[in-house]
Amino acid sequence: MKKFLILVVACTLGVARADVSHLNLPTTPVPHAHASPYVFSYQAGRAPGHVDHQHTEVSDGSGVIRGAFSYVDPSHQVRTVQYVADENGFHPQLSHKLEDSEAVKAAKQRHFADYNRIAQEHASQHTHGQASHIAAAPQGSAAVIHATQKHLNAFDRIAAEHAAIGRQQEAQRLALAAQSDHSEIDNGQYRP
């Protein structure tokens, strides 16, 4: 048994290390051929002889698929969906009108009530002196108000420093101009 096990391991290692360089394997991928035309259809049911689901699909090989499926819904109505799938997507056509459940109807009513309430609030804000195209400015939190004020204070401080530096430079230019011949200095520029 030991000899057989050793023989199997040796053969496995030999095959794993086999030289396959003499095989002519393709190095570039083979381009995909166009899809082949096909037709399929099936029917299924929960009991023998009873069909409650069927599906048929046809493709001519050009990339356009046409099909239909039918099923029996919980209210025992047959529902059919015909479809076309092509390069622009999946396009279903229903044989029946979709009806909302009671929960969906209630959700839609709440949504439209909220939408109308918000629209009226916005309309009333615009009629109280605001232009219709200008929305009310958002209210900032305490942190936003503090950061805004800090920014404005820093901006004012820097603007004042720049103005003082500008005044000093202008005074230096005027003092230099007063000491020199006016032909050599014109508007702060030295003219030889």
N, C-alpha and C. Protein backbone atom coordinates (compact mmCIF):
# COMPACT_ATOMS: atom_id res chain seq x y z
N MET A 1 0.83 -1.19 0.00
CA MET A 1 0.00 0.00 0.00
C MET A 1 0.87 1.24 0.00
N LYS A 2 1.98 1.19 0.76
CA LYS A 2 2.89 2.34 0.80
C LYS A 2 3.48 2.59 -0.58
N LYS A 3 3.86 1.49 -1.28
CA LYS A 3 4.46 1.65 -2.60
C LYS A 3 3.45 2.26 -3.57
N PHE A 4 2.19 1.86 -3.48
CA PHE A 4 1.15 2.40 -4.36
C PHE A 4 0.96 3.89 -4.09
N LEU A 5 0.92 4.29 -2.84
CA LEU A 5 0.76 5.70 -2.46
C LEU A 5 1.94 6.52 -2.96
N ILE A 6 3.14 6.00 -2.81
CA ILE A 6 4.33 6.71 -3.28
C ILE A 6 4.29 6.84 -4.80
N LEU A 7 3.84 5.79 -5.50
CA LEU A 7 3.73 5.82 -6.95
C LEU A 7 2.71 6.88 -7.39
N VAL A 8 1.58 6.97 -6.73
CA VAL A 8 0.56 7.96 -7.07
C VAL A 8 1.08 9.37 -6.84
N VAL A 9 1.77 9.62 -5.73
CA VAL A 9 2.32 10.94 -5.45
C VAL A 9 3.38 11.28 -6.49
N ALA A 10 4.23 10.35 -6.85
CA ALA A 10 5.27 10.60 -7.84
C ALA A 10 4.66 10.91 -9.20
N CYS A 11 3.65 10.18 -9.60
CA CYS A 11 2.97 10.44 -10.88
C CYS A 11 2.31 11.81 -10.89
N THR A 12 1.68 12.16 -9.79
CA THR A 12 1.01 13.46 -9.68
C THR A 12 2.03 14.58 -9.79
N LEU A 13 3.16 14.47 -9.11
CA LEU A 13 4.21 15.49 -9.19
C LEU A 13 4.79 15.54 -10.60
N GLY A 14 4.94 14.43 -11.24
CA GLY A 14 5.47 14.40 -12.60
C GLY A 14 4.54 15.08 -13.59
N VAL A 15 3.26 14.85 -13.46
CA VAL A 15 2.28 15.49 -14.35
C VAL A 15 2.23 16.99 -14.08
N ALA A 16 2.32 17.39 -12.84
CA ALA A 16 2.26 18.80 -12.49
C ALA A 16 3.46 19.55 -13.04
N ARG A 17 4.59 18.87 -13.18
CA ARG A 17 5.81 19.52 -13.68
C ARG A 17 6.01 19.25 -15.16
N ALA A 18 5.03 18.72 -15.86
CA ALA A 18 5.18 18.33 -17.26
C ALA A 18 5.41 19.55 -18.13
N ASP A 19 6.24 19.38 -19.16
CA ASP A 19 6.54 20.46 -20.10
C ASP A 19 5.44 20.50 -21.16
N VAL A 20 4.75 21.65 -21.27
CA VAL A 20 3.68 21.80 -22.25
C VAL A 20 4.04 22.85 -23.29
N SER A 21 5.35 23.20 -23.39
CA SER A 21 5.76 24.25 -24.32
C SER A 21 5.58 23.83 -25.78
N HIS A 22 5.51 22.53 -26.06
CA HIS A 22 5.36 22.05 -27.42
C HIS A 22 3.91 22.16 -27.92
N LEU A 23 2.96 22.43 -27.03
CA LEU A 23 1.56 22.57 -27.43
C LEU A 23 1.34 23.94 -28.04
N ASN A 24 0.59 24.02 -29.10
CA ASN A 24 0.28 25.30 -29.75
C ASN A 24 -1.00 25.87 -29.16
N LEU A 25 -0.86 26.54 -28.03
CA LEU A 25 -2.01 27.15 -27.38
C LEU A 25 -2.17 28.57 -27.89
N PRO A 26 -3.40 29.04 -28.13
CA PRO A 26 -3.57 30.41 -28.63
C PRO A 26 -3.13 31.43 -27.57
N THR A 27 -2.39 32.44 -28.01
CA THR A 27 -1.92 33.46 -27.08
C THR A 27 -2.81 34.69 -27.09
N THR A 28 -3.64 34.85 -28.12
CA THR A 28 -4.57 35.97 -28.16
C THR A 28 -5.98 35.43 -28.02
N PRO A 29 -6.85 36.20 -27.40
CA PRO A 29 -8.21 35.70 -27.23
C PRO A 29 -8.92 35.57 -28.57
N VAL A 30 -9.76 34.57 -28.67
CA VAL A 30 -10.55 34.35 -29.87
C VAL A 30 -11.71 35.34 -29.85
N PRO A 31 -11.91 36.09 -30.95
CA PRO A 31 -13.03 37.05 -30.95
C PRO A 31 -14.36 36.33 -30.81
N HIS A 32 -15.28 36.98 -30.10
CA HIS A 32 -16.59 36.37 -29.87
C HIS A 32 -17.40 36.39 -31.16
N ALA A 33 -17.97 35.29 -31.48
CA ALA A 33 -18.85 35.22 -32.63
C ALA A 33 -20.21 35.81 -32.23
N HIS A 34 -20.98 36.18 -33.22
CA HIS A 34 -22.31 36.71 -32.94
C HIS A 34 -23.14 35.62 -32.27
N ALA A 35 -24.08 36.06 -31.47
CA ALA A 35 -24.94 35.10 -30.76
C ALA A 35 -25.71 34.27 -31.77
N SER A 36 -25.87 33.04 -31.44
CA SER A 36 -26.64 32.14 -32.30
C SER A 36 -28.12 32.35 -32.07
N PRO A 37 -28.92 32.23 -33.11
CA PRO A 37 -30.38 32.33 -32.91
C PRO A 37 -30.86 31.18 -32.02
N TYR A 38 -31.86 31.47 -31.24
CA TYR A 38 -32.43 30.41 -30.39
C TYR A 38 -33.90 30.70 -30.12
N VAL A 39 -34.58 29.66 -29.67
CA VAL A 39 -35.97 29.74 -29.24
C VAL A 39 -36.10 28.81 -28.05
N PHE A 40 -36.73 29.28 -26.99
CA PHE A 40 -37.03 28.36 -25.90
C PHE A 40 -38.39 28.70 -25.33
N SER A 41 -38.97 27.71 -24.71
CA SER A 41 -40.28 27.90 -24.12
C SER A 41 -40.47 26.84 -23.05
N TYR A 42 -41.11 27.22 -21.97
CA TYR A 42 -41.44 26.23 -20.95
C TYR A 42 -42.71 26.64 -20.23
N GLN A 43 -43.31 25.66 -19.60
CA GLN A 43 -44.49 25.87 -18.76
C GLN A 43 -44.28 25.13 -17.46
N ALA A 44 -44.83 25.68 -16.39
CA ALA A 44 -44.69 25.03 -15.09
C ALA A 44 -45.96 25.24 -14.30
N GLY A 45 -46.19 24.36 -13.36
CA GLY A 45 -47.36 24.47 -12.51
C GLY A 45 -47.12 23.82 -11.17
N ARG A 46 -47.99 24.13 -10.24
CA ARG A 46 -47.85 23.56 -8.89
C ARG A 46 -48.47 22.18 -8.76
N ALA A 47 -49.23 21.82 -9.77
CA ALA A 47 -49.87 20.50 -9.73
C ALA A 47 -49.81 19.92 -11.15
N PRO A 48 -49.80 18.58 -11.25
CA PRO A 48 -49.76 17.95 -12.58
C PRO A 48 -50.95 18.41 -13.44
N GLY A 49 -50.65 18.81 -14.68
CA GLY A 49 -51.69 19.25 -15.59
C GLY A 49 -52.15 20.68 -15.36
N HIS A 50 -51.60 21.34 -14.39
CA HIS A 50 -51.99 22.71 -14.06
C HIS A 50 -50.83 23.64 -14.42
N VAL A 51 -51.05 24.63 -15.28
CA VAL A 51 -50.01 25.57 -15.69
C VAL A 51 -50.31 26.91 -15.04
N ASP A 52 -49.37 27.41 -14.23
CA ASP A 52 -49.56 28.74 -13.66
C ASP A 52 -48.38 29.67 -13.96
N HIS A 53 -47.44 29.17 -14.82
CA HIS A 53 -46.32 30.01 -15.23
C HIS A 53 -45.82 29.50 -16.57
N GLN A 54 -45.59 30.41 -17.51
CA GLN A 54 -45.01 30.02 -18.79
C GLN A 54 -44.10 31.14 -19.30
N HIS A 55 -43.11 30.74 -20.07
CA HIS A 55 -42.13 31.70 -20.55
C HIS A 55 -41.69 31.27 -21.94
N THR A 56 -41.64 32.21 -22.88
CA THR A 56 -41.18 31.98 -24.24
C THR A 56 -40.23 33.09 -24.60
N GLU A 57 -39.12 32.72 -25.28
CA GLU A 57 -38.15 33.74 -25.69
C GLU A 57 -37.56 33.35 -27.02
N VAL A 58 -37.31 34.36 -27.89
CA VAL A 58 -36.79 34.15 -29.24
C VAL A 58 -35.68 35.17 -29.50
N SER A 59 -34.57 34.70 -30.09
CA SER A 59 -33.51 35.60 -30.52
C SER A 59 -33.11 35.21 -31.92
N ASP A 60 -32.97 36.20 -32.80
CA ASP A 60 -32.58 35.92 -34.18
C ASP A 60 -31.07 35.97 -34.38
N GLY A 61 -30.31 36.17 -33.30
CA GLY A 61 -28.86 36.21 -33.38
C GLY A 61 -28.30 37.59 -33.61
N SER A 62 -29.15 38.59 -33.79
CA SER A 62 -28.67 39.96 -34.04
C SER A 62 -28.51 40.76 -32.75
N GLY A 63 -28.83 40.17 -31.62
CA GLY A 63 -28.74 40.88 -30.34
C GLY A 63 -30.08 41.36 -29.82
N VAL A 64 -31.15 41.17 -30.60
CA VAL A 64 -32.49 41.56 -30.17
C VAL A 64 -33.21 40.31 -29.67
N ILE A 65 -33.73 40.40 -28.46
CA ILE A 65 -34.44 39.27 -27.85
C ILE A 65 -35.87 39.70 -27.61
N ARG A 66 -36.81 38.84 -28.02
CA ARG A 66 -38.23 39.10 -27.80
C ARG A 66 -38.79 37.94 -26.99
N GLY A 67 -39.67 38.26 -26.08
CA GLY A 67 -40.22 37.20 -25.27
C GLY A 67 -41.48 37.61 -24.54
N ALA A 68 -42.03 36.66 -23.83
CA ALA A 68 -43.23 36.90 -23.03
C ALA A 68 -43.25 35.89 -21.90
N PHE A 69 -43.76 36.32 -20.76
CA PHE A 69 -44.00 35.37 -19.69
C PHE A 69 -45.33 35.71 -19.04
N SER A 70 -45.96 34.67 -18.55
CA SER A 70 -47.27 34.80 -17.89
C SER A 70 -47.21 34.09 -16.56
N TYR A 71 -48.01 34.59 -15.65
CA TYR A 71 -48.11 33.96 -14.33
C TYR A 71 -49.50 34.23 -13.77
N VAL A 72 -49.84 33.47 -12.78
CA VAL A 72 -51.11 33.65 -12.10
C VAL A 72 -50.82 34.38 -10.79
N ASP A 73 -51.43 35.55 -10.62
CA ASP A 73 -51.17 36.35 -9.43
C ASP A 73 -51.98 35.84 -8.24
N PRO A 74 -51.78 36.37 -7.04
CA PRO A 74 -52.48 35.88 -5.86
C PRO A 74 -54.01 35.99 -5.93
N SER A 75 -54.51 36.89 -6.79
CA SER A 75 -55.97 36.99 -6.93
C SER A 75 -56.48 36.13 -8.08
N HIS A 76 -55.64 35.19 -8.54
CA HIS A 76 -55.98 34.20 -9.57
C HIS A 76 -56.23 34.82 -10.93
N GLN A 77 -55.60 35.95 -11.19
CA GLN A 77 -55.67 36.58 -12.51
C GLN A 77 -54.39 36.25 -13.27
N VAL A 78 -54.52 35.96 -14.57
CA VAL A 78 -53.35 35.70 -15.40
C VAL A 78 -52.74 37.03 -15.81
N ARG A 79 -51.48 37.20 -15.53
CA ARG A 79 -50.75 38.42 -15.88
C ARG A 79 -49.70 38.06 -16.92
N THR A 80 -49.61 38.84 -17.98
CA THR A 80 -48.67 38.58 -19.05
C THR A 80 -47.80 39.82 -19.26
N VAL A 81 -46.51 39.57 -19.47
CA VAL A 81 -45.56 40.63 -19.77
C VAL A 81 -44.85 40.25 -21.05
N GLN A 82 -44.97 41.09 -22.06
CA GLN A 82 -44.22 40.92 -23.30
C GLN A 82 -43.04 41.88 -23.24
N TYR A 83 -41.90 41.47 -23.77
CA TYR A 83 -40.73 42.33 -23.68
C TYR A 83 -39.85 42.21 -24.91
N VAL A 84 -39.04 43.25 -25.08
CA VAL A 84 -37.98 43.28 -26.07
C VAL A 84 -36.73 43.74 -25.32
N ALA A 85 -35.64 43.03 -25.53
CA ALA A 85 -34.37 43.42 -24.94
C ALA A 85 -33.40 43.63 -26.10
N ASP A 86 -32.83 44.84 -26.17
CA ASP A 86 -31.90 45.15 -27.25
C ASP A 86 -30.78 46.02 -26.71
N GLU A 87 -30.01 46.64 -27.59
CA GLU A 87 -28.88 47.45 -27.15
C GLU A 87 -29.31 48.66 -26.35
N ASN A 88 -30.58 49.02 -26.40
CA ASN A 88 -31.09 50.17 -25.64
C ASN A 88 -31.73 49.77 -24.31
N GLY A 89 -31.70 48.50 -23.96
CA GLY A 89 -32.22 48.08 -22.66
C GLY A 89 -33.37 47.09 -22.75
N PHE A 90 -34.06 46.96 -21.65
CA PHE A 90 -35.18 46.03 -21.49
C PHE A 90 -36.47 46.83 -21.54
N HIS A 91 -37.40 46.46 -22.44
CA HIS A 91 -38.62 47.22 -22.66
C HIS A 91 -39.85 46.32 -22.45
N PRO A 92 -40.41 46.31 -21.25
CA PRO A 92 -41.58 45.47 -20.99
C PRO A 92 -42.88 46.17 -21.36
N GLN A 93 -43.90 45.36 -21.71
CA GLN A 93 -45.26 45.84 -21.92
C GLN A 93 -46.18 44.93 -21.12
N LEU A 94 -46.94 45.55 -20.22
CA LEU A 94 -47.80 44.77 -19.35
C LEU A 94 -49.17 44.59 -19.98
N SER A 95 -49.79 43.44 -19.75
CA SER A 95 -51.12 43.17 -20.28
C SER A 95 -52.20 43.70 -19.35
N HIS A 96 -51.82 44.20 -18.22
CA HIS A 96 -52.77 44.63 -17.22
C HIS A 96 -52.31 45.93 -16.58
N LYS A 97 -53.24 46.66 -16.07
CA LYS A 97 -52.92 47.90 -15.37
C LYS A 97 -52.50 47.54 -13.94
N LEU A 98 -51.38 48.13 -13.52
CA LEU A 98 -50.95 47.88 -12.16
C LEU A 98 -51.82 48.66 -11.19
N GLU A 99 -52.23 48.03 -10.14
CA GLU A 99 -53.04 48.68 -9.13
C GLU A 99 -52.25 48.76 -7.83
N ASP A 100 -52.34 49.93 -7.20
CA ASP A 100 -51.63 50.13 -5.94
C ASP A 100 -52.33 49.40 -4.80
N SER A 101 -51.53 48.89 -3.89
CA SER A 101 -52.09 48.30 -2.69
C SER A 101 -52.58 49.43 -1.78
N GLU A 102 -53.28 49.09 -0.73
CA GLU A 102 -53.79 50.11 0.20
C GLU A 102 -52.63 50.87 0.85
N ALA A 103 -51.56 50.17 1.17
CA ALA A 103 -50.40 50.84 1.78
C ALA A 103 -49.76 51.83 0.82
N VAL A 104 -49.66 51.46 -0.45
CA VAL A 104 -49.08 52.37 -1.45
C VAL A 104 -50.00 53.56 -1.66
N LYS A 105 -51.30 53.33 -1.71
CA LYS A 105 -52.25 54.44 -1.86
C LYS A 105 -52.13 55.42 -0.70
N ALA A 106 -52.03 54.91 0.51
CA ALA A 106 -51.90 55.78 1.69
C ALA A 106 -50.59 56.56 1.65
N ALA A 107 -49.50 55.90 1.24
CA ALA A 107 -48.20 56.58 1.15
C ALA A 107 -48.24 57.68 0.10
N LYS A 108 -48.88 57.43 -1.03
CA LYS A 108 -49.00 58.45 -2.06
C LYS A 108 -49.81 59.64 -1.56
N GLN A 109 -50.89 59.38 -0.83
CA GLN A 109 -51.70 60.48 -0.29
C GLN A 109 -50.89 61.32 0.68
N ARG A 110 -50.11 60.68 1.56
CA ARG A 110 -49.25 61.44 2.49
C ARG A 110 -48.22 62.25 1.74
N HIS A 111 -47.63 61.65 0.72
CA HIS A 111 -46.61 62.35 -0.07
C HIS A 111 -47.20 63.60 -0.72
N PHE A 112 -48.35 63.47 -1.38
CA PHE A 112 -48.94 64.62 -2.07
C PHE A 112 -49.41 65.68 -1.08
N ALA A 113 -49.89 65.25 0.08
CA ALA A 113 -50.31 66.22 1.10
C ALA A 113 -49.09 67.01 1.59
N ASP A 114 -47.98 66.31 1.86
CA ASP A 114 -46.76 67.00 2.29
C ASP A 114 -46.24 67.91 1.19
N TYR A 115 -46.27 67.44 -0.05
CA TYR A 115 -45.79 68.24 -1.17
C TYR A 115 -46.61 69.53 -1.29
N ASN A 116 -47.93 69.41 -1.22
CA ASN A 116 -48.79 70.59 -1.34
C ASN A 116 -48.58 71.55 -0.16
N ARG A 117 -48.42 71.01 1.04
CA ARG A 117 -48.18 71.86 2.21
C ARG A 117 -46.88 72.64 2.06
N ILE A 118 -45.81 71.97 1.64
CA ILE A 118 -44.52 72.64 1.45
C ILE A 118 -44.61 73.68 0.34
N ALA A 119 -45.28 73.35 -0.75
CA ALA A 119 -45.43 74.30 -1.85
C ALA A 119 -46.18 75.55 -1.38
N GLN A 120 -47.22 75.37 -0.56
CA GLN A 120 -47.96 76.53 -0.04
C GLN A 120 -47.10 77.34 0.91
N GLU A 121 -46.30 76.70 1.76
CA GLU A 121 -45.40 77.42 2.66
C GLU A 121 -44.41 78.26 1.87
N HIS A 122 -43.85 77.69 0.81
CA HIS A 122 -42.89 78.43 -0.01
C HIS A 122 -43.58 79.57 -0.73
N ALA A 123 -44.78 79.35 -1.21
CA ALA A 123 -45.51 80.41 -1.91
C ALA A 123 -45.85 81.54 -0.95
N SER A 124 -46.23 81.23 0.28
CA SER A 124 -46.58 82.28 1.24
C SER A 124 -45.34 83.06 1.68
N GLN A 125 -44.18 82.43 1.72
CA GLN A 125 -42.94 83.14 2.06
C GLN A 125 -42.61 84.17 1.00
N HIS A 126 -42.88 83.85 -0.25
CA HIS A 126 -42.55 84.76 -1.34
C HIS A 126 -43.54 85.92 -1.43
N THR A 127 -44.73 85.74 -0.95
CA THR A 127 -45.71 86.82 -1.02
C THR A 127 -45.55 87.81 0.12
N HIS A 128 -44.73 87.50 1.12
CA HIS A 128 -44.51 88.41 2.25
C HIS A 128 -43.29 89.29 2.02
N GLY A 129 -43.18 89.89 0.84
CA GLY A 129 -42.13 90.86 0.59
C GLY A 129 -40.89 90.31 -0.07
N GLN A 130 -40.76 89.04 -0.23
CA GLN A 130 -39.59 88.48 -0.88
C GLN A 130 -39.89 88.30 -2.36
N ALA A 131 -38.86 88.48 -3.17
CA ALA A 131 -39.04 88.25 -4.60
C ALA A 131 -39.28 86.76 -4.83
N SER A 132 -40.03 86.43 -5.86
CA SER A 132 -40.40 85.03 -6.08
C SER A 132 -39.20 84.18 -6.49
N HIS A 133 -38.14 84.79 -7.03
CA HIS A 133 -37.00 83.99 -7.46
C HIS A 133 -35.91 83.91 -6.41
N ILE A 134 -36.07 84.59 -5.29
CA ILE A 134 -35.06 84.56 -4.23
C ILE A 134 -35.58 83.71 -3.08
N ALA A 135 -34.85 82.70 -2.74
CA ALA A 135 -35.24 81.84 -1.62
C ALA A 135 -34.75 82.46 -0.31
N ALA A 136 -35.41 82.12 0.76
CA ALA A 136 -35.00 82.62 2.07
C ALA A 136 -33.62 82.06 2.40
N ALA A 137 -32.79 82.90 3.00
CA ALA A 137 -31.44 82.46 3.36
C ALA A 137 -31.52 81.42 4.47
N PRO A 138 -30.66 80.41 4.40
CA PRO A 138 -30.68 79.40 5.45
C PRO A 138 -30.17 79.99 6.76
N GLN A 139 -30.67 79.48 7.85
CA GLN A 139 -30.26 79.94 9.18
C GLN A 139 -29.07 79.09 9.63
N GLY A 140 -28.01 79.77 10.06
CA GLY A 140 -26.82 79.06 10.50
C GLY A 140 -26.94 78.64 11.95
N SER A 141 -26.22 77.59 12.28
CA SER A 141 -26.17 77.14 13.67
C SER A 141 -25.25 78.07 14.45
N ALA A 142 -25.17 77.90 15.75
CA ALA A 142 -24.31 78.74 16.59
C ALA A 142 -22.85 78.58 16.16
N ALA A 143 -22.44 77.37 15.82
CA ALA A 143 -21.06 77.13 15.38
C ALA A 143 -20.78 77.85 14.06
N VAL A 144 -21.74 77.83 13.14
CA VAL A 144 -21.56 78.49 11.85
C VAL A 144 -21.51 80.00 12.05
N ILE A 145 -22.37 80.53 12.89
CA ILE A 145 -22.38 81.97 13.16
C ILE A 145 -21.05 82.39 13.80
N HIS A 146 -20.53 81.61 14.75
CA HIS A 146 -19.26 81.90 15.40
C HIS A 146 -18.11 81.87 14.38
N ALA A 147 -18.07 80.84 13.53
CA ALA A 147 -17.00 80.72 12.53
C ALA A 147 -17.09 81.86 11.52
N THR A 148 -18.30 82.25 11.14
CA THR A 148 -18.48 83.35 10.19
C THR A 148 -17.96 84.65 10.80
N GLN A 149 -18.31 84.90 12.04
CA GLN A 149 -17.85 86.12 12.71
C GLN A 149 -16.33 86.12 12.87
N LYS A 150 -15.76 84.97 13.20
CA LYS A 150 -14.30 84.86 13.34
C LYS A 150 -13.62 85.17 12.00
N HIS A 151 -14.18 84.65 10.92
CA HIS A 151 -13.64 84.91 9.58
C HIS A 151 -13.74 86.39 9.24
N LEU A 152 -14.91 86.99 9.50
CA LEU A 152 -15.08 88.41 9.19
C LEU A 152 -14.13 89.28 10.00
N ASN A 153 -13.92 88.95 11.28
CA ASN A 153 -12.98 89.70 12.12
C ASN A 153 -11.55 89.60 11.57
N ALA A 154 -11.14 88.40 11.18
CA ALA A 154 -9.81 88.21 10.61
C ALA A 154 -9.68 88.98 9.29
N PHE A 155 -10.72 88.96 8.47
CA PHE A 155 -10.70 89.69 7.21
C PHE A 155 -10.56 91.19 7.46
N ASP A 156 -11.33 91.72 8.41
CA ASP A 156 -11.24 93.16 8.74
C ASP A 156 -9.84 93.51 9.25
N ARG A 157 -9.27 92.66 10.12
CA ARG A 157 -7.93 92.91 10.67
C ARG A 157 -6.89 92.92 9.55
N ILE A 158 -6.93 91.95 8.67
CA ILE A 158 -5.96 91.86 7.57
C ILE A 158 -6.14 93.03 6.61
N ALA A 159 -7.38 93.42 6.33
CA ALA A 159 -7.63 94.56 5.44
C ALA A 159 -7.07 95.84 6.06
N ALA A 160 -7.22 96.01 7.37
CA ALA A 160 -6.69 97.20 8.04
C ALA A 160 -5.16 97.19 7.99
N GLU A 161 -4.52 96.03 8.21
CA GLU A 161 -3.07 95.92 8.13
C GLU A 161 -2.57 96.27 6.73
N HIS A 162 -3.25 95.77 5.71
CA HIS A 162 -2.86 96.06 4.33
C HIS A 162 -3.02 97.54 4.02
N ALA A 163 -4.09 98.15 4.52
CA ALA A 163 -4.30 99.59 4.30
C ALA A 163 -3.18 100.39 4.98
N ALA A 164 -2.77 99.99 6.19
CA ALA A 164 -1.69 100.69 6.91
C ALA A 164 -0.37 100.54 6.15
N ILE A 165 -0.10 99.34 5.65
CA ILE A 165 1.12 99.12 4.87
C ILE A 165 1.09 99.98 3.61
N GLY A 166 -0.07 100.05 2.97
CA GLY A 166 -0.21 100.88 1.77
C GLY A 166 0.04 102.35 2.08
N ARG A 167 -0.49 102.82 3.20
CA ARG A 167 -0.27 104.22 3.59
C ARG A 167 1.21 104.48 3.86
N GLN A 168 1.89 103.55 4.55
CA GLN A 168 3.32 103.70 4.82
C GLN A 168 4.12 103.75 3.52
N GLN A 169 3.81 102.88 2.60
CA GLN A 169 4.54 102.87 1.33
C GLN A 169 4.30 104.16 0.55
N GLU A 170 3.07 104.64 0.56
CA GLU A 170 2.76 105.90 -0.13
C GLU A 170 3.51 107.06 0.53
N ALA A 171 3.59 107.08 1.87
CA ALA A 171 4.33 108.14 2.57
C ALA A 171 5.82 108.06 2.23
N GLN A 172 6.37 106.85 2.17
CA GLN A 172 7.78 106.70 1.81
C GLN A 172 8.03 107.18 0.37
N ARG A 173 7.11 106.85 -0.53
CA ARG A 173 7.26 107.27 -1.92
C ARG A 173 7.23 108.79 -2.02
N LEU A 174 6.29 109.41 -1.29
CA LEU A 174 6.18 110.87 -1.34
C LEU A 174 7.42 111.52 -0.72
N ALA A 175 7.95 110.94 0.38
CA ALA A 175 9.15 111.49 1.02
C ALA A 175 10.34 111.36 0.09
N LEU A 176 10.47 110.25 -0.58
CA LEU A 176 11.56 110.05 -1.53
C LEU A 176 11.43 111.00 -2.71
N ALA A 177 10.22 111.21 -3.16
CA ALA A 177 9.98 112.12 -4.27
C ALA A 177 10.31 113.55 -3.88
N ALA A 178 10.04 113.92 -2.65
CA ALA A 178 10.33 115.28 -2.19
C ALA A 178 11.82 115.51 -2.09
N GLN A 179 12.60 114.48 -1.77
CA GLN A 179 14.05 114.61 -1.60
C GLN A 179 14.77 114.57 -2.95
N SER A 180 14.19 113.98 -3.94
CA SER A 180 14.87 113.76 -5.21
C SER A 180 14.36 114.72 -6.26
N ASP A 181 15.09 114.74 -7.36
CA ASP A 181 14.65 115.51 -8.50
C ASP A 181 13.42 114.83 -9.08
N HIS A 182 12.42 115.61 -9.39
CA HIS A 182 11.16 115.03 -9.87
C HIS A 182 11.31 114.30 -11.19
N SER A 183 12.35 114.56 -11.93
CA SER A 183 12.53 113.86 -13.20
C SER A 183 13.02 112.43 -12.99
N GLU A 184 13.64 112.17 -11.84
CA GLU A 184 14.16 110.81 -11.58
C GLU A 184 13.09 109.89 -11.03
N ILE A 185 12.11 110.41 -10.30
CA ILE A 185 11.08 109.57 -9.69
C ILE A 185 9.72 110.08 -10.17
N ASP A 186 8.97 109.18 -10.75
CA ASP A 186 7.64 109.55 -11.25
C ASP A 186 6.66 108.46 -10.82
N ASN A 187 5.71 108.80 -9.97
CA ASN A 187 4.72 107.83 -9.47
C ASN A 187 5.38 106.63 -8.84
N GLY A 188 6.43 106.82 -8.09
CA GLY A 188 7.08 105.72 -7.39
C GLY A 188 8.03 104.94 -8.25
N GLN A 189 8.16 105.29 -9.51
CA GLN A 189 9.07 104.58 -10.41
C GLN A 189 10.31 105.42 -10.64
N TYR A 190 11.47 104.84 -10.55
CA TYR A 190 12.73 105.54 -10.75
C TYR A 190 12.96 105.72 -12.25
N ARG A 191 13.27 106.94 -12.66
CA ARG A 191 13.55 107.25 -14.07
C ARG A 191 14.97 107.78 -14.15
N PRO A 192 15.86 107.14 -14.83
CA PRO A 192 17.23 107.63 -14.94
C PRO A 192 17.33 108.89 -15.80
